[in-house]
Amino acid sequence: MTTAVGASRVGWLAWTAATAVIVALAAMLTAGVVAARYEARLGQMARETAAVRERRQRDEAALREQLTAYQGAIDLLRDPATRVVELRGAGPGAEATARLIWNDKAGGDLLVANLPPAPAGKAYELWTLGGPAPRPAAVFQVDASGRAVQRVEPAAGASGFAVTLEPAAGSPAPTGPVVLAAR
């Protein structure tokens, strides 16, 4: 009888050991699957965080650029020789407005609003008026909201200004429609 009881105990212990091994393997498999899911989610979160950080850095750089441009405009406005020239929309840019903070010796800053983005291969070009022919002053693009801030170098004898739609590289003389003009 002891051999039957001993054999039964050995069988029971074998089944118990086999069950323990199976439970341990199932636990390891489950832990591996859970760990893989967490690792995938952590990887996704890391990529999303990096994308947010990159966008924030781009936005910060754009804001710093705008701040520099606005500081330049403020510095110009402190000079009594500076004048503010208003430009109104015309033709395809009828809803657009702009202000040119202009100083004959220091140049100026063009601030544009509500101007539609230029078509592919085109850009806006600012012209100085006041001589025998318009002279190119700056080529610029607007952002998706129709805004632009453009630094303009000084031009002797500039008494008026206009903006036309030109080839993207600019043009030596106006060829496109006038979209903004001083009135």
C-alpha atoms as a PDB file:
ATOM      1  CA  MET A   1       0.000   0.000   0.000  1.00  0.00           C
ATOM      2  CA  THR A   2       2.796   2.354   0.629  1.00  0.00           C
ATOM      3  CA  THR A   3       3.985   1.925  -2.904  1.00  0.00           C
ATOM      4  CA  ALA A   4       0.555   2.826  -4.238  1.00  0.00           C
ATOM      5  CA  VAL A   5       0.393   5.841  -1.932  1.00  0.00           C
ATOM      6  CA  GLY A   6       3.968   6.740  -2.809  1.00  0.00           C
ATOM      7  CA  ALA A   7       3.231   6.393  -6.522  1.00  0.00           C
ATOM      8  CA  SER A   8       0.100   8.479  -6.101  1.00  0.00           C
ATOM      9  CA  ARG A   9       2.105  11.151  -4.288  1.00  0.00           C
ATOM     10  CA  VAL A  10       4.782  11.105  -7.001  1.00  0.00           C
ATOM     11  CA  GLY A  11       2.079  11.438  -9.681  1.00  0.00           C
ATOM     12  CA  TRP A  12       0.416  14.227  -7.752  1.00  0.00           C
ATOM     13  CA  LEU A  13       3.758  16.012  -7.323  1.00  0.00           C
ATOM     14  CA  ALA A  14       4.490  15.575 -11.061  1.00  0.00           C
ATOM     15  CA  TRP A  15       1.111  17.085 -11.965  1.00  0.00           C
ATOM     16  CA  THR A  16       1.633  19.901  -9.508  1.00  0.00           C
ATOM     17  CA  ALA A  17       5.100  20.616 -10.895  1.00  0.00           C
ATOM     18  CA  ALA A  18       3.793  20.486 -14.484  1.00  0.00           C
ATOM     19  CA  THR A  19       0.926  22.842 -13.575  1.00  0.00           C
ATOM     20  CA  ALA A  20       3.364  25.208 -11.862  1.00  0.00           C
ATOM     21  CA  VAL A  21       5.581  25.197 -14.959  1.00  0.00           C
ATOM     22  CA  ILE A  22       2.567  25.885 -17.205  1.00  0.00           C
ATOM     23  CA  VAL A  23       1.363  28.698 -14.917  1.00  0.00           C
ATOM     24  CA  ALA A  24       4.888  30.195 -14.854  1.00  0.00           C
ATOM     25  CA  LEU A  25       5.123  30.011 -18.669  1.00  0.00           C
ATOM     26  CA  ALA A  26       1.680  31.618 -19.028  1.00  0.00           C
ATOM     27  CA  ALA A  27       2.703  34.381 -16.611  1.00  0.00           C
ATOM     28  CA  MET A  28       5.922  35.010 -18.545  1.00  0.00           C
ATOM     29  CA  LEU A  29       4.036  35.058 -21.865  1.00  0.00           C
ATOM     30  CA  THR A  30       1.449  37.461 -20.452  1.00  0.00           C
ATOM     31  CA  ALA A  31       4.194  39.665 -19.006  1.00  0.00           C
ATOM     32  CA  GLY A  32       5.950  39.684 -22.388  1.00  0.00           C
ATOM     33  CA  VAL A  33       2.772  40.693 -24.241  1.00  0.00           C
ATOM     34  CA  VAL A  34       1.981  43.412 -21.687  1.00  0.00           C
ATOM     35  CA  ALA A  35       5.571  44.690 -21.786  1.00  0.00           C
ATOM     36  CA  ALA A  36       5.526  44.778 -25.601  1.00  0.00           C
ATOM     37  CA  ARG A  37       2.287  46.781 -25.569  1.00  0.00           C
ATOM     38  CA  TYR A  38       3.675  49.226 -23.026  1.00  0.00           C
ATOM     39  CA  GLU A  39       6.919  49.564 -24.977  1.00  0.00           C
ATOM     40  CA  ALA A  40       4.938  50.290 -28.165  1.00  0.00           C
ATOM     41  CA  ARG A  41       2.813  52.879 -26.345  1.00  0.00           C
ATOM     42  CA  LEU A  42       5.897  54.452 -24.760  1.00  0.00           C
ATOM     43  CA  GLY A  43       7.529  54.639 -28.195  1.00  0.00           C
ATOM     44  CA  GLN A  44       4.431  56.314 -29.616  1.00  0.00           C
ATOM     45  CA  MET A  45       4.351  58.776 -26.710  1.00  0.00           C
ATOM     46  CA  ALA A  46       8.058  59.550 -27.232  1.00  0.00           C
ATOM     47  CA  ARG A  47       7.438  60.268 -30.934  1.00  0.00           C
ATOM     48  CA  GLU A  48       4.439  62.484 -30.102  1.00  0.00           C
ATOM     49  CA  THR A  49       6.462  64.339 -27.467  1.00  0.00           C
ATOM     50  CA  ALA A  50       9.311  64.897 -29.935  1.00  0.00           C
ATOM     51  CA  ALA A  51       6.839  66.240 -32.533  1.00  0.00           C
ATOM     52  CA  VAL A  52       5.295  68.614 -29.979  1.00  0.00           C
ATOM     53  CA  ARG A  53       8.767  69.773 -28.905  1.00  0.00           C
ATOM     54  CA  GLU A  54       9.736  70.404 -32.541  1.00  0.00           C
ATOM     55  CA  ARG A  55       6.527  72.397 -33.198  1.00  0.00           C
ATOM     56  CA  ARG A  56       7.097  74.412 -30.021  1.00  0.00           C
ATOM     57  CA  GLN A  57      10.661  75.202 -31.081  1.00  0.00           C
ATOM     58  CA  ARG A  58       9.477  76.304 -34.549  1.00  0.00           C
ATOM     59  CA  ASP A  59       6.728  78.450 -33.008  1.00  0.00           C
ATOM     60  CA  GLU A  60       9.206  79.945 -30.563  1.00  0.00           C
ATOM     61  CA  ALA A  61      11.638  80.786 -33.382  1.00  0.00           C
ATOM     62  CA  ALA A  62       8.811  82.396 -35.383  1.00  0.00           C
ATOM     63  CA  LEU A  63       7.749  84.441 -32.355  1.00  0.00           C
ATOM     64  CA  ARG A  64      11.329  85.570 -31.752  1.00  0.00           C
ATOM     65  CA  GLU A  65      11.549  86.635 -35.410  1.00  0.00           C
ATOM     66  CA  GLN A  66       8.293  88.575 -35.111  1.00  0.00           C
ATOM     67  CA  LEU A  67       9.478  90.185 -31.882  1.00  0.00           C
ATOM     68  CA  THR A  68      12.677  91.311 -33.593  1.00  0.00           C
ATOM     69  CA  ALA A  69      10.681  92.775 -36.494  1.00  0.00           C
ATOM     70  CA  TYR A  70       8.284  94.576 -34.165  1.00  0.00           C
ATOM     71  CA  GLN A  71      11.176  95.909 -32.078  1.00  0.00           C
ATOM     72  CA  GLY A  72      12.688  97.305 -35.290  1.00  0.00           C
ATOM     73  CA  ALA A  73       9.375  98.988 -36.097  1.00  0.00           C
ATOM     74  CA  ILE A  74       9.211 100.491 -32.605  1.00  0.00           C
ATOM     75  CA  ASP A  75      12.756 101.811 -32.984  1.00  0.00           C
ATOM     76  CA  LEU A  76      11.797 103.410 -36.314  1.00  0.00           C
ATOM     77  CA  LEU A  77       8.701 105.013 -34.800  1.00  0.00           C
ATOM     78  CA  ARG A  78      10.838 106.770 -32.202  1.00  0.00           C
ATOM     79  CA  ASP A  79      12.545 108.767 -34.978  1.00  0.00           C
ATOM     80  CA  PRO A  80      10.607 111.969 -35.828  1.00  0.00           C
ATOM     81  CA  ALA A  81      11.596 111.554 -39.506  1.00  0.00           C
ATOM     82  CA  THR A  82       9.636 108.291 -39.704  1.00  0.00           C
ATOM     83  CA  ARG A  83       6.216 108.257 -41.290  1.00  0.00           C
ATOM     84  CA  VAL A  84       3.538 105.573 -41.493  1.00  0.00           C
ATOM     85  CA  VAL A  85       2.265 104.931 -45.013  1.00  0.00           C
ATOM     86  CA  GLU A  86      -1.043 103.089 -45.359  1.00  0.00           C
ATOM     87  CA  LEU A  87      -1.567 100.808 -48.349  1.00  0.00           C
ATOM     88  CA  ARG A  88      -5.025  99.612 -49.374  1.00  0.00           C
ATOM     89  CA  GLY A  89      -5.983  96.501 -51.278  1.00  0.00           C
ATOM     90  CA  ALA A  90      -6.734  96.556 -54.986  1.00  0.00           C
ATOM     91  CA  GLY A  91      -7.678  93.935 -57.560  1.00  0.00           C
ATOM     92  CA  PRO A  92      -7.131  90.370 -56.261  1.00  0.00           C
ATOM     93  CA  GLY A  93      -6.121  91.706 -52.838  1.00  0.00           C
ATOM     94  CA  ALA A  94      -9.077  94.093 -52.325  1.00  0.00           C
ATOM     95  CA  GLU A  95      -9.543  93.024 -48.668  1.00  0.00           C
ATOM     96  CA  ALA A  96      -5.858  93.465 -47.875  1.00  0.00           C
ATOM     97  CA  THR A  97      -4.310  96.270 -45.863  1.00  0.00           C
ATOM     98  CA  ALA A  98      -0.735  97.186 -45.063  1.00  0.00           C
ATOM     99  CA  ARG A  99       1.294  99.745 -43.212  1.00  0.00           C
ATOM    100  CA  LEU A 100       4.804 100.694 -44.113  1.00  0.00           C
ATOM    101  CA  ILE A 101       6.742 102.284 -41.272  1.00  0.00           C
ATOM    102  CA  TRP A 102       9.149 104.272 -43.419  1.00  0.00           C
ATOM    103  CA  ASN A 103      12.237 106.338 -42.750  1.00  0.00           C
ATOM    104  CA  ASP A 104      14.084 107.686 -45.812  1.00  0.00           C
ATOM    105  CA  LYS A 105      17.486 107.042 -44.207  1.00  0.00           C
ATOM    106  CA  ALA A 106      16.817 103.812 -42.284  1.00  0.00           C
ATOM    107  CA  GLY A 107      14.316 102.043 -44.544  1.00  0.00           C
ATOM    108  CA  GLY A 108      11.331 100.483 -42.916  1.00  0.00           C
ATOM    109  CA  ASP A 109       9.078  97.595 -42.058  1.00  0.00           C
ATOM    110  CA  LEU A 110       6.107  96.508 -44.135  1.00  0.00           C
ATOM    111  CA  LEU A 111       3.258  94.943 -42.122  1.00  0.00           C
ATOM    112  CA  VAL A 112       0.662  93.203 -44.297  1.00  0.00           C
ATOM    113  CA  ALA A 113      -2.732  91.722 -43.327  1.00  0.00           C
ATOM    114  CA  ASN A 114      -5.480  89.857 -45.198  1.00  0.00           C
ATOM    115  CA  LEU A 115      -3.498  89.362 -48.411  1.00  0.00           C
ATOM    116  CA  PRO A 116      -4.221  85.958 -49.973  1.00  0.00           C
ATOM    117  CA  PRO A 117      -1.200  83.658 -50.303  1.00  0.00           C
ATOM    118  CA  ALA A 118       0.505  84.023 -53.678  1.00  0.00           C
ATOM    119  CA  PRO A 119      -0.116  81.252 -56.234  1.00  0.00           C
ATOM    120  CA  ALA A 120       2.635  78.682 -56.819  1.00  0.00           C
ATOM    121  CA  GLY A 121       5.632  80.230 -58.564  1.00  0.00           C
ATOM    122  CA  LYS A 122       4.563  83.760 -57.595  1.00  0.00           C
ATOM    123  CA  ALA A 123       5.440  86.221 -54.829  1.00  0.00           C
ATOM    124  CA  TYR A 124       4.514  89.718 -53.805  1.00  0.00           C
ATOM    125  CA  GLU A 125       6.908  92.546 -54.593  1.00  0.00           C
ATOM    126  CA  LEU A 126       7.019  95.985 -52.974  1.00  0.00           C
ATOM    127  CA  TRP A 127       7.941  98.917 -55.252  1.00  0.00           C
ATOM    128  CA  THR A 128       9.127 102.402 -54.378  1.00  0.00           C
ATOM    129  CA  LEU A 129       7.611 105.162 -56.458  1.00  0.00           C
ATOM    130  CA  GLY A 130       8.912 108.660 -56.985  1.00  0.00           C
ATOM    131  CA  GLY A 131      11.456 108.452 -59.756  1.00  0.00           C
ATOM    132  CA  PRO A 132      11.146 107.942 -63.484  1.00  0.00           C
ATOM    133  CA  ALA A 133      10.165 104.288 -62.934  1.00  0.00           C
ATOM    134  CA  PRO A 134       9.132 102.080 -59.991  1.00  0.00           C
ATOM    135  CA  ARG A 135      12.086 100.474 -58.218  1.00  0.00           C
ATOM    136  CA  PRO A 136      11.970  97.011 -56.567  1.00  0.00           C
ATOM    137  CA  ALA A 137      12.203  97.226 -52.779  1.00  0.00           C
ATOM    138  CA  ALA A 138      11.367  93.747 -51.402  1.00  0.00           C
ATOM    139  CA  VAL A 139       9.979  90.358 -52.448  1.00  0.00           C
ATOM    140  CA  PHE A 140       7.855  88.568 -49.845  1.00  0.00           C
ATOM    141  CA  GLN A 141       5.283  85.859 -49.157  1.00  0.00           C
ATOM    142  CA  VAL A 142       2.395  85.924 -46.695  1.00  0.00           C
ATOM    143  CA  ASP A 143       1.542  83.155 -44.248  1.00  0.00           C
ATOM    144  CA  ALA A 144      -1.672  81.108 -44.395  1.00  0.00           C
ATOM    145  CA  SER A 145      -3.558  83.836 -42.516  1.00  0.00           C
ATOM    146  CA  GLY A 146      -2.487  86.477 -45.053  1.00  0.00           C
ATOM    147  CA  ARG A 147       0.068  88.206 -42.821  1.00  0.00           C
ATOM    148  CA  ALA A 148       3.657  89.236 -43.479  1.00  0.00           C
ATOM    149  CA  VAL A 149       6.304  91.389 -41.874  1.00  0.00           C
ATOM    150  CA  GLN A 150       9.023  92.412 -44.314  1.00  0.00           C
ATOM    151  CA  ARG A 151      12.114  94.514 -43.719  1.00  0.00           C
ATOM    152  CA  VAL A 152      12.641  97.115 -46.462  1.00  0.00           C
ATOM    153  CA  GLU A 153      16.026  98.679 -47.146  1.00  0.00           C
ATOM    154  CA  PRO A 154      16.259 102.473 -47.591  1.00  0.00           C
ATOM    155  CA  ALA A 155      15.586 103.909 -51.049  1.00  0.00           C
ATOM    156  CA  ALA A 156      16.414 107.514 -51.864  1.00  0.00           C
ATOM    157  CA  GLY A 157      13.552 109.612 -53.198  1.00  0.00           C
ATOM    158  CA  ALA A 158      10.765 107.159 -52.341  1.00  0.00           C
ATOM    159  CA  SER A 159       7.542 109.151 -52.195  1.00  0.00           C
ATOM    160  CA  GLY A 160       5.049 106.330 -52.733  1.00  0.00           C
ATOM    161  CA  PHE A 161       4.735 102.557 -52.568  1.00  0.00           C
ATOM    162  CA  ALA A 162       2.834  99.756 -54.260  1.00  0.00           C
ATOM    163  CA  VAL A 163       2.763  95.949 -54.131  1.00  0.00           C
ATOM    164  CA  THR A 164       2.272  93.732 -57.184  1.00  0.00           C
ATOM    165  CA  LEU A 165       2.068  89.994 -57.810  1.00  0.00           C
ATOM    166  CA  GLU A 166       5.274  88.918 -59.584  1.00  0.00           C
ATOM    167  CA  PRO A 167       7.334  85.816 -60.391  1.00  0.00           C
ATOM    168  CA  ALA A 168       8.693  84.206 -57.203  1.00  0.00           C
ATOM    169  CA  ALA A 169      12.234  85.502 -57.808  1.00  0.00           C
ATOM    170  CA  GLY A 170      11.001  89.064 -58.264  1.00  0.00           C
ATOM    171  CA  SER A 171      11.091  91.290 -61.299  1.00  0.00           C
ATOM    172  CA  PRO A 172      13.156  94.350 -62.317  1.00  0.00           C
ATOM    173  CA  ALA A 173       9.955  96.164 -63.301  1.00  0.00           C
ATOM    174  CA  PRO A 174       6.292  95.605 -62.363  1.00  0.00           C
ATOM    175  CA  THR A 175       4.565  93.026 -64.564  1.00  0.00           C
ATOM    176  CA  GLY A 176       1.688  91.753 -62.434  1.00  0.00           C
ATOM    177  CA  PRO A 177      -1.478  93.259 -61.016  1.00  0.00           C
ATOM    178  CA  VAL A 178      -1.311  95.848 -58.236  1.00  0.00           C
ATOM    179  CA  VAL A 179      -2.619  94.300 -54.997  1.00  0.00           C
ATOM    180  CA  LEU A 180      -1.742  97.091 -52.541  1.00  0.00           C
ATOM    181  CA  ALA A 181      -1.158 100.799 -53.165  1.00  0.00           C
ATOM    182  CA  ALA A 182      -0.634 103.887 -51.043  1.00  0.00           C
ATOM    183  CA  ARG A 183      -3.496 106.366 -51.325  1.00  0.00           C
END
